[in-house]
C-alpha atoms as a PDB file:
ATOM      1  CA  MET A   1       5.196  20.668  -0.783  1.00  0.00           C
ATOM      2  CA  ALA A   2       3.469  19.389   2.346  1.00  0.00           C
ATOM      3  CA  ASN A   3       5.406  17.611   5.040  1.00  0.00           C
ATOM      4  CA  MET A   4       4.038  14.349   6.422  1.00  0.00           C
ATOM      5  CA  ALA A   5       2.243  15.957   9.375  1.00  0.00           C
ATOM      6  CA  GLN A   6       0.479  18.366   7.017  1.00  0.00           C
ATOM      7  CA  ALA A   7      -0.384  15.533   4.609  1.00  0.00           C
ATOM      8  CA  ILE A   8      -1.996  13.552   7.426  1.00  0.00           C
ATOM      9  CA  ARG A   9      -3.946  16.633   8.487  1.00  0.00           C
ATOM     10  CA  LEU A  10      -5.164  17.192   4.918  1.00  0.00           C
ATOM     11  CA  ALA A  11      -6.242  13.545   4.647  1.00  0.00           C
ATOM     12  CA  LEU A  12      -8.190  13.796   7.886  1.00  0.00           C
ATOM     13  CA  HIS A  13      -9.877  17.009   6.712  1.00  0.00           C
ATOM     14  CA  TYR A  14     -10.805  15.368   3.390  1.00  0.00           C
ATOM     15  CA  SER A  15     -12.224  12.397   5.282  1.00  0.00           C
ATOM     16  CA  GLU A  16     -14.343  14.630   7.512  1.00  0.00           C
ATOM     17  CA  LYS A  17     -15.948  16.119   4.423  1.00  0.00           C
ATOM     18  CA  ASN A  18     -16.152  13.091   2.147  1.00  0.00           C
ATOM     19  CA  LEU A  19     -15.741   9.798   4.030  1.00  0.00           C
ATOM     20  CA  GLN A  20     -18.114  10.316   6.970  1.00  0.00           C
ATOM     21  CA  LEU A  21     -15.252  10.481   9.461  1.00  0.00           C
ATOM     22  CA  LYS A  22     -17.012  11.369  12.710  1.00  0.00           C
ATOM     23  CA  ASP A  23     -14.302  11.355  15.402  1.00  0.00           C
ATOM     24  CA  VAL A  24     -10.552  12.009  15.611  1.00  0.00           C
ATOM     25  CA  PHE A  25      -9.326  11.667  19.160  1.00  0.00           C
ATOM     26  CA  GLY A  26      -6.431  10.922  21.466  1.00  0.00           C
ATOM     27  CA  GLN A  27      -4.264  12.564  24.087  1.00  0.00           C
ATOM     28  CA  ASP A  28      -3.743  16.200  22.952  1.00  0.00           C
ATOM     29  CA  ALA A  29      -5.294  15.400  19.538  1.00  0.00           C
ATOM     30  CA  GLY A  30      -7.821  18.238  19.852  1.00  0.00           C
ATOM     31  CA  ALA A  31      -7.388  21.965  20.404  1.00  0.00           C
ATOM     32  CA  PRO A  32      -5.190  23.739  21.222  1.00  0.00           C
ATOM     33  CA  LEU A  33      -2.235  21.438  20.440  1.00  0.00           C
ATOM     34  CA  GLY A  34      -3.648  19.315  17.617  1.00  0.00           C
ATOM     35  CA  GLY A  35      -1.345  16.398  18.298  1.00  0.00           C
ATOM     36  CA  VAL A  36       2.238  16.329  19.507  1.00  0.00           C
ATOM     37  CA  PHE A  37       3.340  16.428  15.831  1.00  0.00           C
ATOM     38  CA  THR A  38       0.465  18.829  14.901  1.00  0.00           C
ATOM     39  CA  ALA A  39      -1.092  16.226  12.590  1.00  0.00           C
ATOM     40  CA  THR A  40      -4.624  16.851  13.905  1.00  0.00           C
ATOM     41  CA  GLN A  41      -4.651  20.660  14.090  1.00  0.00           C
ATOM     42  CA  GLY A  42      -7.756  22.522  13.019  1.00  0.00           C
ATOM     43  CA  LEU A  43     -10.019  19.525  12.470  1.00  0.00           C
ATOM     44  CA  LYS A  44     -13.736  19.853  13.223  1.00  0.00           C
ATOM     45  CA  THR A  45     -14.056  16.369  14.682  1.00  0.00           C
ATOM     46  CA  SER A  46     -10.895  16.203  16.832  1.00  0.00           C
ATOM     47  CA  TRP A  47     -11.099  16.044  20.616  1.00  0.00           C
ATOM     48  CA  ASN A  48      -8.882  15.354  23.606  1.00  0.00           C
ATOM     49  CA  THR A  49      -8.946  12.222  25.738  1.00  0.00           C
ATOM     50  CA  PRO A  50      -7.404  11.500  29.126  1.00  0.00           C
ATOM     51  CA  LEU A  51      -3.973   9.918  29.207  1.00  0.00           C
ATOM     52  CA  ASP A  52      -5.459   6.438  28.897  1.00  0.00           C
ATOM     53  CA  GLU A  53      -4.367   4.275  25.981  1.00  0.00           C
ATOM     54  CA  ARG A  54      -6.743   1.459  26.882  1.00  0.00           C
ATOM     55  CA  GLY A  55      -9.602   3.920  27.081  1.00  0.00           C
ATOM     56  CA  ILE A  56      -8.689   5.360  23.660  1.00  0.00           C
ATOM     57  CA  ILE A  57      -8.691   1.947  21.948  1.00  0.00           C
ATOM     58  CA  SER A  58     -11.870   0.869  23.760  1.00  0.00           C
ATOM     59  CA  MET A  59     -13.608   4.085  22.710  1.00  0.00           C
ATOM     60  CA  ALA A  60     -12.579   3.514  19.087  1.00  0.00           C
ATOM     61  CA  MET A  61     -13.948  -0.018  19.196  1.00  0.00           C
ATOM     62  CA  GLY A  62     -17.260   1.177  20.612  1.00  0.00           C
ATOM     63  CA  ILE A  63     -17.649   3.960  18.043  1.00  0.00           C
ATOM     64  CA  ALA A  64     -16.792   1.555  15.218  1.00  0.00           C
ATOM     65  CA  MET A  65     -19.162  -1.139  16.489  1.00  0.00           C
ATOM     66  CA  ALA A  66     -21.911   1.491  16.404  1.00  0.00           C
ATOM     67  CA  GLY A  67     -21.150   1.960  12.702  1.00  0.00           C
ATOM     68  CA  ASP A  68     -19.282   5.282  12.681  1.00  0.00           C
ATOM     69  CA  ARG A  69     -15.814   5.837  11.223  1.00  0.00           C
ATOM     70  CA  CYS A  70     -13.167   7.087  13.631  1.00  0.00           C
ATOM     71  CA  VAL A  71      -9.432   7.707  13.880  1.00  0.00           C
ATOM     72  CA  ALA A  72      -7.846   7.168  17.285  1.00  0.00           C
ATOM     73  CA  GLU A  73      -4.302   8.270  18.033  1.00  0.00           C
ATOM     74  CA  ILE A  74      -1.883   6.795  20.530  1.00  0.00           C
ATOM     75  CA  GLN A  75       0.512   9.696  21.047  1.00  0.00           C
ATOM     76  CA  PHE A  76       3.615   7.475  20.782  1.00  0.00           C
ATOM     77  CA  CYS A  77       3.667   3.779  19.898  1.00  0.00           C
ATOM     78  CA  ASP A  78       5.873   3.282  22.956  1.00  0.00           C
ATOM     79  CA  TYR A  79       2.632   3.414  24.979  1.00  0.00           C
ATOM     80  CA  ILE A  80       0.479   1.150  22.809  1.00  0.00           C
ATOM     81  CA  PHE A  81       1.836  -2.061  24.302  1.00  0.00           C
ATOM     82  CA  ASN A  82      -0.662  -2.077  27.167  1.00  0.00           C
ATOM     83  CA  THR A  83      -3.494  -2.287  24.605  1.00  0.00           C
ATOM     84  CA  ILE A  84      -2.352  -5.453  22.814  1.00  0.00           C
ATOM     85  CA  ASP A  85      -5.247  -7.542  24.162  1.00  0.00           C
ATOM     86  CA  LEU A  86      -7.764  -4.918  22.999  1.00  0.00           C
ATOM     87  CA  LEU A  87      -6.149  -4.703  19.563  1.00  0.00           C
ATOM     88  CA  LYS A  88      -6.405  -8.480  19.381  1.00  0.00           C
ATOM     89  CA  ILE A  89     -10.132  -8.344  20.205  1.00  0.00           C
ATOM     90  CA  ALA A  90     -10.700  -5.613  17.620  1.00  0.00           C
ATOM     91  CA  GLY A  91      -8.942  -7.722  15.003  1.00  0.00           C
ATOM     92  CA  ASN A  92     -10.988 -10.794  15.930  1.00  0.00           C
ATOM     93  CA  THR A  93     -14.394  -9.126  15.954  1.00  0.00           C
ATOM     94  CA  LEU A  94     -15.440  -9.598  12.327  1.00  0.00           C
ATOM     95  CA  TRP A  95     -14.408 -13.256  12.429  1.00  0.00           C
ATOM     96  CA  CYS A  96     -15.924 -13.951  15.850  1.00  0.00           C
ATOM     97  CA  THR A  97     -19.269 -12.414  14.878  1.00  0.00           C
ATOM     98  CA  ASN A  98     -19.440 -14.357  11.607  1.00  0.00           C
ATOM     99  CA  GLY A  99     -19.210 -11.129   9.642  1.00  0.00           C
ATOM    100  CA  GLN A 100     -21.955  -9.288  11.539  1.00  0.00           C
ATOM    101  CA  TYR A 101     -19.786  -6.529  13.062  1.00  0.00           C
ATOM    102  CA  GLN A 102     -17.291  -4.564  11.030  1.00  0.00           C
ATOM    103  CA  LEU A 103     -15.008  -2.097  12.808  1.00  0.00           C
ATOM    104  CA  PRO A 104     -14.273   0.924  10.572  1.00  0.00           C
ATOM    105  CA  MET A 105     -11.559   2.218  12.903  1.00  0.00           C
ATOM    106  CA  THR A 106      -8.088   3.526  12.177  1.00  0.00           C
ATOM    107  CA  VAL A 107      -5.444   3.707  14.887  1.00  0.00           C
ATOM    108  CA  MET A 108      -2.511   5.944  14.061  1.00  0.00           C
ATOM    109  CA  THR A 109       0.620   6.198  16.128  1.00  0.00           C
ATOM    110  CA  PRO A 110       4.144   7.601  15.628  1.00  0.00           C
ATOM    111  CA  VAL A 111       6.832   4.911  15.453  1.00  0.00           C
ATOM    112  CA  GLY A 112      10.592   4.505  15.406  1.00  0.00           C
ATOM    113  CA  ALA A 113      13.654   6.425  16.448  1.00  0.00           C
ATOM    114  CA  GLY A 114      15.340   9.419  14.848  1.00  0.00           C
ATOM    115  CA  ILE A 115      14.098  12.156  17.188  1.00  0.00           C
ATOM    116  CA  ARG A 116      16.544  11.399  20.040  1.00  0.00           C
ATOM    117  CA  GLY A 117      13.616  10.261  22.168  1.00  0.00           C
ATOM    118  CA  SER A 118      15.526   7.742  24.289  1.00  0.00           C
ATOM    119  CA  VAL A 119      13.977   4.627  25.772  1.00  0.00           C
ATOM    120  CA  TYR A 120      10.400   5.936  26.142  1.00  0.00           C
ATOM    121  CA  HIS A 121       9.942   7.562  22.717  1.00  0.00           C
ATOM    122  CA  SER A 122      11.955   5.486  20.232  1.00  0.00           C
ATOM    123  CA  HIS A 123      10.185   2.138  19.916  1.00  0.00           C
ATOM    124  CA  SER A 124       9.085   0.540  16.666  1.00  0.00           C
ATOM    125  CA  PHE A 125       5.839  -1.369  16.353  1.00  0.00           C
ATOM    126  CA  ASP A 126       5.695  -2.804  12.829  1.00  0.00           C
ATOM    127  CA  SER A 127       6.825  -6.317  13.735  1.00  0.00           C
ATOM    128  CA  TRP A 128       4.487  -6.458  16.728  1.00  0.00           C
ATOM    129  CA  ALA A 129       1.630  -5.168  14.586  1.00  0.00           C
ATOM    130  CA  SER A 130       2.183  -7.834  11.936  1.00  0.00           C
ATOM    131  CA  ARG A 131       1.306 -10.494  14.524  1.00  0.00           C
ATOM    132  CA  ILE A 132      -2.121  -9.047  15.424  1.00  0.00           C
ATOM    133  CA  GLN A 133      -4.471 -10.911  13.121  1.00  0.00           C
ATOM    134  CA  GLY A 134      -7.421  -9.082  11.603  1.00  0.00           C
ATOM    135  CA  TRP A 135      -5.580  -5.776  11.225  1.00  0.00           C
ATOM    136  CA  LYS A 136      -4.189  -4.169   8.121  1.00  0.00           C
ATOM    137  CA  VAL A 137      -0.933  -2.341   8.832  1.00  0.00           C
ATOM    138  CA  VAL A 138       0.543   0.484   6.744  1.00  0.00           C
ATOM    139  CA  MET A 139       3.599   2.723   7.080  1.00  0.00           C
ATOM    140  CA  PRO A 140       4.259   5.587   4.627  1.00  0.00           C
ATOM    141  CA  SER A 141       7.644   7.016   3.749  1.00  0.00           C
ATOM    142  CA  THR A 142       6.466  10.140   1.891  1.00  0.00           C
ATOM    143  CA  PRO A 143       3.753  12.758   2.491  1.00  0.00           C
ATOM    144  CA  LEU A 144       1.857  11.772  -0.666  1.00  0.00           C
ATOM    145  CA  ASP A 145       1.857   8.118   0.393  1.00  0.00           C
ATOM    146  CA  ALA A 146       0.739   9.157   3.879  1.00  0.00           C
ATOM    147  CA  TYR A 147      -2.206  11.002   2.337  1.00  0.00           C
ATOM    148  CA  GLY A 148      -3.221   8.148   0.035  1.00  0.00           C
ATOM    149  CA  LEU A 149      -2.744   5.377   2.587  1.00  0.00           C
ATOM    150  CA  LEU A 150      -4.650   7.251   5.284  1.00  0.00           C
ATOM    151  CA  LEU A 151      -7.631   7.805   2.989  1.00  0.00           C
ATOM    152  CA  SER A 152      -7.651   4.085   2.199  1.00  0.00           C
ATOM    153  CA  ALA A 153      -7.329   3.221   5.885  1.00  0.00           C
ATOM    154  CA  ILE A 154     -10.257   5.437   6.885  1.00  0.00           C
ATOM    155  CA  LYS A 155     -12.450   4.112   4.080  1.00  0.00           C
ATOM    156  CA  ASP A 156     -11.673   0.490   4.952  1.00  0.00           C
ATOM    157  CA  PRO A 157     -14.552  -1.202   6.809  1.00  0.00           C
ATOM    158  CA  ASN A 158     -12.228  -2.926   9.261  1.00  0.00           C
ATOM    159  CA  PRO A 159      -9.299  -2.065  11.572  1.00  0.00           C
ATOM    160  CA  VAL A 160      -6.196  -0.452  10.113  1.00  0.00           C
ATOM    161  CA  LEU A 161      -3.015   0.543  11.942  1.00  0.00           C
ATOM    162  CA  PHE A 162      -1.436   3.639  10.422  1.00  0.00           C
ATOM    163  CA  LEU A 163       2.181   3.810  11.581  1.00  0.00           C
ATOM    164  CA  LYS A 164       3.757   7.216  10.982  1.00  0.00           C
ATOM    165  CA  PRO A 165       7.561   7.457  11.284  1.00  0.00           C
ATOM    166  CA  LYS A 166       8.468  10.046  13.916  1.00  0.00           C
ATOM    167  CA  ALA A 167      11.605  11.082  12.063  1.00  0.00           C
ATOM    168  CA  LEU A 168       9.668  11.878   8.859  1.00  0.00           C
ATOM    169  CA  MET A 169       6.883  14.024  10.269  1.00  0.00           C
ATOM    170  CA  ARG A 170       8.639  17.257   9.286  1.00  0.00           C
ATOM    171  CA  VAL A 171      10.135  15.956   6.018  1.00  0.00           C
ATOM    172  CA  ARG A 172       8.647  17.438   2.861  1.00  0.00           C
ATOM    173  CA  GLY A 173       7.829  15.365  -0.171  1.00  0.00           C
ATOM    174  CA  ASP A 174       8.665  15.991  -3.805  1.00  0.00           C
ATOM    175  CA  GLU A 175       5.147  15.360  -5.140  1.00  0.00           C
ATOM    176  CA  LEU A 176       2.092  17.557  -4.628  1.00  0.00           C
ATOM    177  CA  ILE A 177      -1.017  16.170  -3.001  1.00  0.00           C
ATOM    178  CA  PRO A 178      -3.901  16.692  -5.464  1.00  0.00           C
ATOM    179  CA  GLY A 179      -5.363  20.110  -4.698  1.00  0.00           C
ATOM    180  CA  GLU A 180      -2.458  21.221  -2.498  1.00  0.00           C
ATOM    181  CA  PRO A 181      -1.069  24.748  -3.112  1.00  0.00           C
ATOM    182  CA  ALA A 182       2.279  24.621  -4.893  1.00  0.00           C
ATOM    183  CA  ASP A 183       3.725  27.260  -2.553  1.00  0.00           C
ATOM    184  CA  GLU A 184       4.628  25.622   0.751  1.00  0.00           C
ATOM    185  CA  LYS A 185       4.524  29.022   2.506  1.00  0.00           C
ATOM    186  CA  GLU A 186       0.931  29.452   1.399  1.00  0.00           C
ATOM    187  CA  LEU A 187       0.047  25.999   2.706  1.00  0.00           C
ATOM    188  CA  LYS A 188       1.684  26.760   6.049  1.00  0.00           C
ATOM    189  CA  ALA A 189      -0.157  30.083   6.356  1.00  0.00           C
ATOM    190  CA  ARG A 190      -3.471  28.379   5.621  1.00  0.00           C
ATOM    191  CA  ILE A 191      -3.367  25.242   7.758  1.00  0.00           C
ATOM    192  CA  ASP A 192      -0.615  25.601  10.404  1.00  0.00           C
ATOM    193  CA  ALA A 193      -1.820  27.115  13.676  1.00  0.00           C
ATOM    194  CA  PRO A 194       0.115  30.163  14.904  1.00  0.00           C
ATOM    195  CA  ILE A 195       2.336  30.048  17.952  1.00  0.00           C
ATOM    196  CA  GLY A 196       0.628  31.540  20.985  1.00  0.00           C
ATOM    197  CA  ASP A 197      -3.085  32.294  21.243  1.00  0.00           C
ATOM    198  CA  ARG A 198      -5.063  29.998  18.942  1.00  0.00           C
ATOM    199  CA  SER A 199      -8.517  30.653  20.371  1.00  0.00           C
ATOM    200  CA  LYS A 200      -9.729  32.524  17.269  1.00  0.00           C
ATOM    201  CA  TRP A 201      -7.670  30.671  14.653  1.00  0.00           C
ATOM    202  CA  LYS A 202      -9.355  28.616  11.969  1.00  0.00           C
ATOM    203  CA  PRO A 203      -7.637  26.867   9.070  1.00  0.00           C
ATOM    204  CA  GLU A 204      -8.343  27.782   5.456  1.00  0.00           C
ATOM    205  CA  TRP A 205      -8.404  24.332   3.938  1.00  0.00           C
ATOM    206  CA  PRO A 206      -7.332  23.924   0.307  1.00  0.00           C
ATOM    207  CA  GLY A 207      -9.591  21.902  -1.952  1.00  0.00           C
ATOM    208  CA  VAL A 208      -7.668  18.640  -1.725  1.00  0.00           C
ATOM    209  CA  GLN A 209      -8.956  15.745  -3.787  1.00  0.00           C
ATOM    210  CA  ASP A 210      -9.145  12.013  -3.450  1.00  0.00           C
ATOM    211  CA  TYR A 211      -5.957  10.007  -3.943  1.00  0.00           C
ATOM    212  CA  TRP A 212      -6.032   6.333  -3.111  1.00  0.00           C
ATOM    213  CA  ILE A 213      -3.161   3.939  -2.497  1.00  0.00           C
ATOM    214  CA  GLU A 214      -4.415   0.389  -2.304  1.00  0.00           C
ATOM    215  CA  ILE A 215      -3.457  -1.257   0.963  1.00  0.00           C
ATOM    216  CA  GLY A 216      -1.192  -4.193   0.170  1.00  0.00           C
ATOM    217  CA  LYS A 217       0.515  -2.607  -2.833  1.00  0.00           C
ATOM    218  CA  GLY A 218       4.215  -1.727  -2.677  1.00  0.00           C
ATOM    219  CA  LYS A 219       6.135   0.673  -4.886  1.00  0.00           C
ATOM    220  CA  ILE A 220       9.435   0.324  -6.730  1.00  0.00           C
ATOM    221  CA  THR A 221      11.259   3.579  -5.997  1.00  0.00           C
ATOM    222  CA  ARG A 222      14.511   2.653  -7.780  1.00  0.00           C
ATOM    223  CA  HIS A 223      14.793   0.125 -10.599  1.00  0.00           C
ATOM    224  CA  GLY A 224      17.826  -2.149 -10.575  1.00  0.00           C
ATOM    225  CA  GLU A 225      19.255  -5.463 -11.708  1.00  0.00           C
ATOM    226  CA  GLN A 226      21.821  -6.688  -9.157  1.00  0.00           C
ATOM    227  CA  ILE A 227      20.092  -6.729  -5.759  1.00  0.00           C
ATOM    228  CA  THR A 228      16.649  -6.115  -4.274  1.00  0.00           C
ATOM    229  CA  LEU A 229      16.481  -3.862  -1.217  1.00  0.00           C
ATOM    230  CA  VAL A 230      13.128  -3.941   0.603  1.00  0.00           C
ATOM    231  CA  SER A 231      12.374  -1.329   3.255  1.00  0.00           C
ATOM    232  CA  TRP A 232       9.605   0.843   4.684  1.00  0.00           C
ATOM    233  CA  GLY A 233       9.195   3.995   6.751  1.00  0.00           C
ATOM    234  CA  ARG A 234      12.139   6.298   7.285  1.00  0.00           C
ATOM    235  CA  HIS A 235      14.779   3.807   6.160  1.00  0.00           C
ATOM    236  CA  LEU A 236      13.208   3.750   2.718  1.00  0.00           C
ATOM    237  CA  LEU A 237      14.549   7.270   2.110  1.00  0.00           C
ATOM    238  CA  LEU A 238      17.981   6.094   3.218  1.00  0.00           C
ATOM    239  CA  ALA A 239      17.712   3.129   0.850  1.00  0.00           C
ATOM    240  CA  ASN A 240      16.989   5.487  -2.055  1.00  0.00           C
ATOM    241  CA  GLU A 241      20.030   7.607  -1.203  1.00  0.00           C
ATOM    242  CA  ILE A 242      22.288   4.561  -1.057  1.00  0.00           C
ATOM    243  CA  ALA A 243      20.967   3.191  -4.349  1.00  0.00           C
ATOM    244  CA  ASP A 244      21.626   6.523  -6.064  1.00  0.00           C
ATOM    245  CA  GLU A 245      25.149   6.761  -4.658  1.00  0.00           C
ATOM    246  CA  LEU A 246      26.087   3.194  -5.571  1.00  0.00           C
ATOM    247  CA  LYS A 247      24.788   3.652  -9.097  1.00  0.00           C
ATOM    248  CA  GLN A 248      26.678   6.923  -9.578  1.00  0.00           C
ATOM    249  CA  HIS A 249      30.012   6.011  -7.978  1.00  0.00           C
ATOM    250  CA  ASP A 250      30.251   2.223  -8.266  1.00  0.00           C
ATOM    251  CA  GLY A 251      27.987   1.323 -11.167  1.00  0.00           C
ATOM    252  CA  ILE A 252      25.951  -0.983  -8.898  1.00  0.00           C
ATOM    253  CA  SER A 253      22.279  -1.381  -9.771  1.00  0.00           C
ATOM    254  CA  VAL A 254      20.001  -1.632  -6.715  1.00  0.00           C
ATOM    255  CA  GLU A 255      16.243  -2.170  -6.976  1.00  0.00           C
ATOM    256  CA  VAL A 256      14.487  -0.503  -4.026  1.00  0.00           C
ATOM    257  CA  ILE A 257      10.998  -1.571  -2.963  1.00  0.00           C
ATOM    258  CA  ASP A 258       8.927   0.533  -0.573  1.00  0.00           C
ATOM    259  CA  LEU A 259       6.703  -2.066   1.045  1.00  0.00           C
ATOM    260  CA  ARG A 260       4.226   0.614   2.280  1.00  0.00           C
ATOM    261  CA  SER A 261       1.912  -2.087   3.677  1.00  0.00           C
ATOM    262  CA  ILE A 262       3.295  -4.407   6.340  1.00  0.00           C
ATOM    263  CA  TYR A 263       0.145  -6.509   6.094  1.00  0.00           C
ATOM    264  CA  PRO A 264      -1.129  -7.446   3.638  1.00  0.00           C
ATOM    265  CA  TYR A 265       2.145  -7.052   1.778  1.00  0.00           C
ATOM    266  CA  ASP A 266       2.978  -7.051  -1.914  1.00  0.00           C
ATOM    267  CA  TRP A 267       4.476 -10.509  -2.260  1.00  0.00           C
ATOM    268  CA  GLU A 268       4.203 -10.511  -6.050  1.00  0.00           C
ATOM    269  CA  MET A 269       6.365  -7.382  -6.281  1.00  0.00           C
ATOM    270  CA  ILE A 270       9.014  -8.857  -3.975  1.00  0.00           C
ATOM    271  CA  LYS A 271       8.912 -12.216  -5.740  1.00  0.00           C
ATOM    272  CA  SER A 272       9.283 -10.703  -9.194  1.00  0.00           C
ATOM    273  CA  SER A 273      12.169  -8.472  -8.117  1.00  0.00           C
ATOM    274  CA  VAL A 274      14.148 -11.195  -6.307  1.00  0.00           C
ATOM    275  CA  ALA A 275      13.628 -13.596  -9.218  1.00  0.00           C
ATOM    276  CA  LYS A 276      15.255 -10.925 -11.412  1.00  0.00           C
ATOM    277  CA  THR A 277      18.154  -9.888  -9.160  1.00  0.00           C
ATOM    278  CA  GLY A 278      18.822 -13.133  -7.263  1.00  0.00           C
ATOM    279  CA  ARG A 279      19.780 -11.172  -4.157  1.00  0.00           C
ATOM    280  CA  LEU A 280      17.830  -9.671  -1.252  1.00  0.00           C
ATOM    281  CA  LEU A 281      18.498  -7.249   1.587  1.00  0.00           C
ATOM    282  CA  ILE A 282      15.742  -6.131   3.967  1.00  0.00           C
ATOM    283  CA  VAL A 283      16.220  -3.032   6.111  1.00  0.00           C
ATOM    284  CA  ASN A 284      14.066  -1.663   8.924  1.00  0.00           C
ATOM    285  CA  GLU A 285      14.568  -0.304  12.436  1.00  0.00           C
ATOM    286  CA  ASP A 286      12.481  -2.718  14.507  1.00  0.00           C
ATOM    287  CA  THR A 287      14.552  -5.137  16.610  1.00  0.00           C
ATOM    288  CA  GLU A 288      16.266  -7.929  14.707  1.00  0.00           C
ATOM    289  CA  VAL A 289      14.868 -10.868  16.709  1.00  0.00           C
ATOM    290  CA  THR A 290      11.387 -11.877  15.440  1.00  0.00           C
ATOM    291  CA  ASN A 291      11.574  -9.015  12.970  1.00  0.00           C
ATOM    292  CA  PHE A 292       8.944  -8.935  10.209  1.00  0.00           C
ATOM    293  CA  GLY A 293      11.804  -8.985   7.719  1.00  0.00           C
ATOM    294  CA  GLU A 294      12.621 -12.496   8.921  1.00  0.00           C
ATOM    295  CA  HIS A 295       9.223 -13.659   7.699  1.00  0.00           C
ATOM    296  CA  LEU A 296       9.873 -12.135   4.275  1.00  0.00           C
ATOM    297  CA  ILE A 297      13.267 -13.842   4.094  1.00  0.00           C
ATOM    298  CA  TYR A 298      11.697 -17.153   5.136  1.00  0.00           C
ATOM    299  CA  ARG A 299       9.159 -16.899   2.332  1.00  0.00           C
ATOM    300  CA  VAL A 300      11.811 -15.913  -0.215  1.00  0.00           C
ATOM    301  CA  VAL A 301      13.919 -18.933   0.756  1.00  0.00           C
ATOM    302  CA  GLN A 302      10.899 -21.253   0.642  1.00  0.00           C
ATOM    303  CA  GLU A 303       9.605 -20.109  -2.749  1.00  0.00           C
ATOM    304  CA  LEU A 304      12.679 -18.745  -4.538  1.00  0.00           C
ATOM    305  CA  PHE A 305      15.532 -20.858  -3.171  1.00  0.00           C
ATOM    306  CA  TYR A 306      16.816 -21.922  -6.592  1.00  0.00           C
ATOM    307  CA  GLU A 307      16.663 -18.363  -7.898  1.00  0.00           C
ATOM    308  CA  LEU A 308      18.990 -17.012  -5.222  1.00  0.00           C
ATOM    309  CA  LEU A 309      22.595 -16.120  -5.995  1.00  0.00           C
ATOM    310  CA  ALA A 310      23.458 -15.205  -2.390  1.00  0.00           C
ATOM    311  CA  ARG A 311      21.952 -15.707   1.035  1.00  0.00           C
ATOM    312  CA  PRO A 312      19.323 -13.065   1.900  1.00  0.00           C
ATOM    313  CA  ARG A 313      20.212 -10.658   4.701  1.00  0.00           C
ATOM    314  CA  LEU A 314      18.350  -8.551   7.257  1.00  0.00           C
ATOM    315  CA  ILE A 315      19.629  -5.318   8.773  1.00  0.00           C
ATOM    316  CA  ALA A 316      17.461  -4.205  11.673  1.00  0.00           C
ATOM    317  CA  GLY A 317      17.616  -2.637  15.111  1.00  0.00           C
ATOM    318  CA  LYS A 318      19.851  -4.265  17.691  1.00  0.00           C
ATOM    319  CA  ASN A 319      18.086  -6.581  20.131  1.00  0.00           C
ATOM    320  CA  VAL A 320      18.554  -4.401  23.204  1.00  0.00           C
ATOM    321  CA  PRO A 321      15.977  -3.329  25.820  1.00  0.00           C
ATOM    322  CA  GLY A 322      15.834   0.262  24.625  1.00  0.00           C
ATOM    323  CA  ILE A 323      17.522   3.099  22.756  1.00  0.00           C
ATOM    324  CA  GLY A 324      19.795   5.416  24.692  1.00  0.00           C
ATOM    325  CA  LEU A 325      19.440   9.181  24.763  1.00  0.00           C
ATOM    326  CA  HIS A 326      22.982   9.949  23.597  1.00  0.00           C
ATOM    327  CA  PRO A 327      23.191  10.184  19.787  1.00  0.00           C
ATOM    328  CA  ASN A 328      25.986   7.609  19.713  1.00  0.00           C
ATOM    329  CA  LEU A 329      23.798   5.100  21.525  1.00  0.00           C
ATOM    330  CA  GLU A 330      20.879   5.631  19.149  1.00  0.00           C
ATOM    331  CA  ASP A 331      23.104   5.448  16.067  1.00  0.00           C
ATOM    332  CA  ALA A 332      24.657   2.222  17.343  1.00  0.00           C
ATOM    333  CA  THR A 333      21.206   0.693  17.804  1.00  0.00           C
ATOM    334  CA  VAL A 334      19.328   1.432  14.559  1.00  0.00           C
ATOM    335  CA  PRO A 335      20.629   0.739  11.007  1.00  0.00           C
ATOM    336  CA  GLN A 336      22.985   3.333   9.600  1.00  0.00           C
ATOM    337  CA  LYS A 337      23.890   4.233   6.033  1.00  0.00           C
ATOM    338  CA  SER A 338      27.410   2.778   6.133  1.00  0.00           C
ATOM    339  CA  GLU A 339      26.111  -0.529   7.514  1.00  0.00           C
ATOM    340  CA  ILE A 340      23.518  -0.855   4.746  1.00  0.00           C
ATOM    341  CA  LYS A 341      25.976   0.050   2.002  1.00  0.00           C
ATOM    342  CA  SER A 342      28.540  -2.470   3.265  1.00  0.00           C
ATOM    343  CA  ALA A 343      25.919  -5.223   3.338  1.00  0.00           C
ATOM    344  CA  ILE A 344      24.914  -4.503  -0.261  1.00  0.00           C
ATOM    345  CA  LEU A 345      28.520  -4.753  -1.429  1.00  0.00           C
ATOM    346  CA  GLU A 346      29.091  -7.991   0.501  1.00  0.00           C
ATOM    347  CA  ILE A 347      25.969  -9.609  -0.940  1.00  0.00           C
ATOM    348  CA  ILE A 348      26.829  -8.632  -4.500  1.00  0.00           C
ATOM    349  CA  ARG A 349      30.411  -9.933  -4.137  1.00  0.00           C
ATOM    350  CA  GLU A 350      29.291 -13.232  -2.613  1.00  0.00           C
ATOM    351  CA  VAL A 351      30.039 -16.079  -4.994  1.00  0.00           C
ATOM    352  CA  PRO A 352      27.104 -18.454  -5.546  1.00  0.00           C
END
């Protein structure tokens, strides 16, 4: 099974061949490194840029305005903040030109903690991204979803932010990408560059096929009756683990929704689930103040107030300036398994 970095690489290769993807670029995105997480290794259209985030976004906008599809990478989302005004302009362009200029550009960037990256490599960006109008924003939690969402992002005629969780880049999935070799060692031998001299290396791409995940569609990963748990990115895997444990040891039935798309988001899936369970917990690692989960809770309260059996809750990152390097500091800042499990039990025991 491919890991997420390999799945992204396969999606980019497929897009080069089938979706008229003309450019994949960013700091270290081209040879010899192929991206800090190796997600752009071996691609025909990948090339290196200077360390200039504003230049990278501006270049993507120019290429897209000329009508070509491109994927630009900001090496870590921690360094995307100085491009907010450009992202805003890119999102406004179709509207401001009365539909004359589409921007078929995808910006992908690693997000979140989990790699012990300290203050300069542990930021989240999903809540910030949700406030940049004109952009679609997706975040996968599995390699197969990364493949399907990235294909949809590249095919989309307008800007899409593809947020890839740093902590999941080396995590393998449990579903094969269509056309992927079943033997993970074979896949590695074919598409992972060797350590050392890569000057003569070329990948042997498998015949991967199309696989589309519609942007704006979530996925129920665990069916349940007592509480709805909505998450995305790396905490979705944690949510699945907790749901399985609570069902096995405590007989508690948790419905887990992988949002997959931050915007547009699958409101009908959330609405249907909360109407059934009467309880809601949202979990993500972006900071708790002005968190995107707060918007979801607001909408649930506005539209489903009389269906609720308990007050909705949000568990998110602590509202501190950064994440410390020591593991204890990081673990105290982003949501942990015990914290999520305790919140579920409290919500279920709350008397309406």
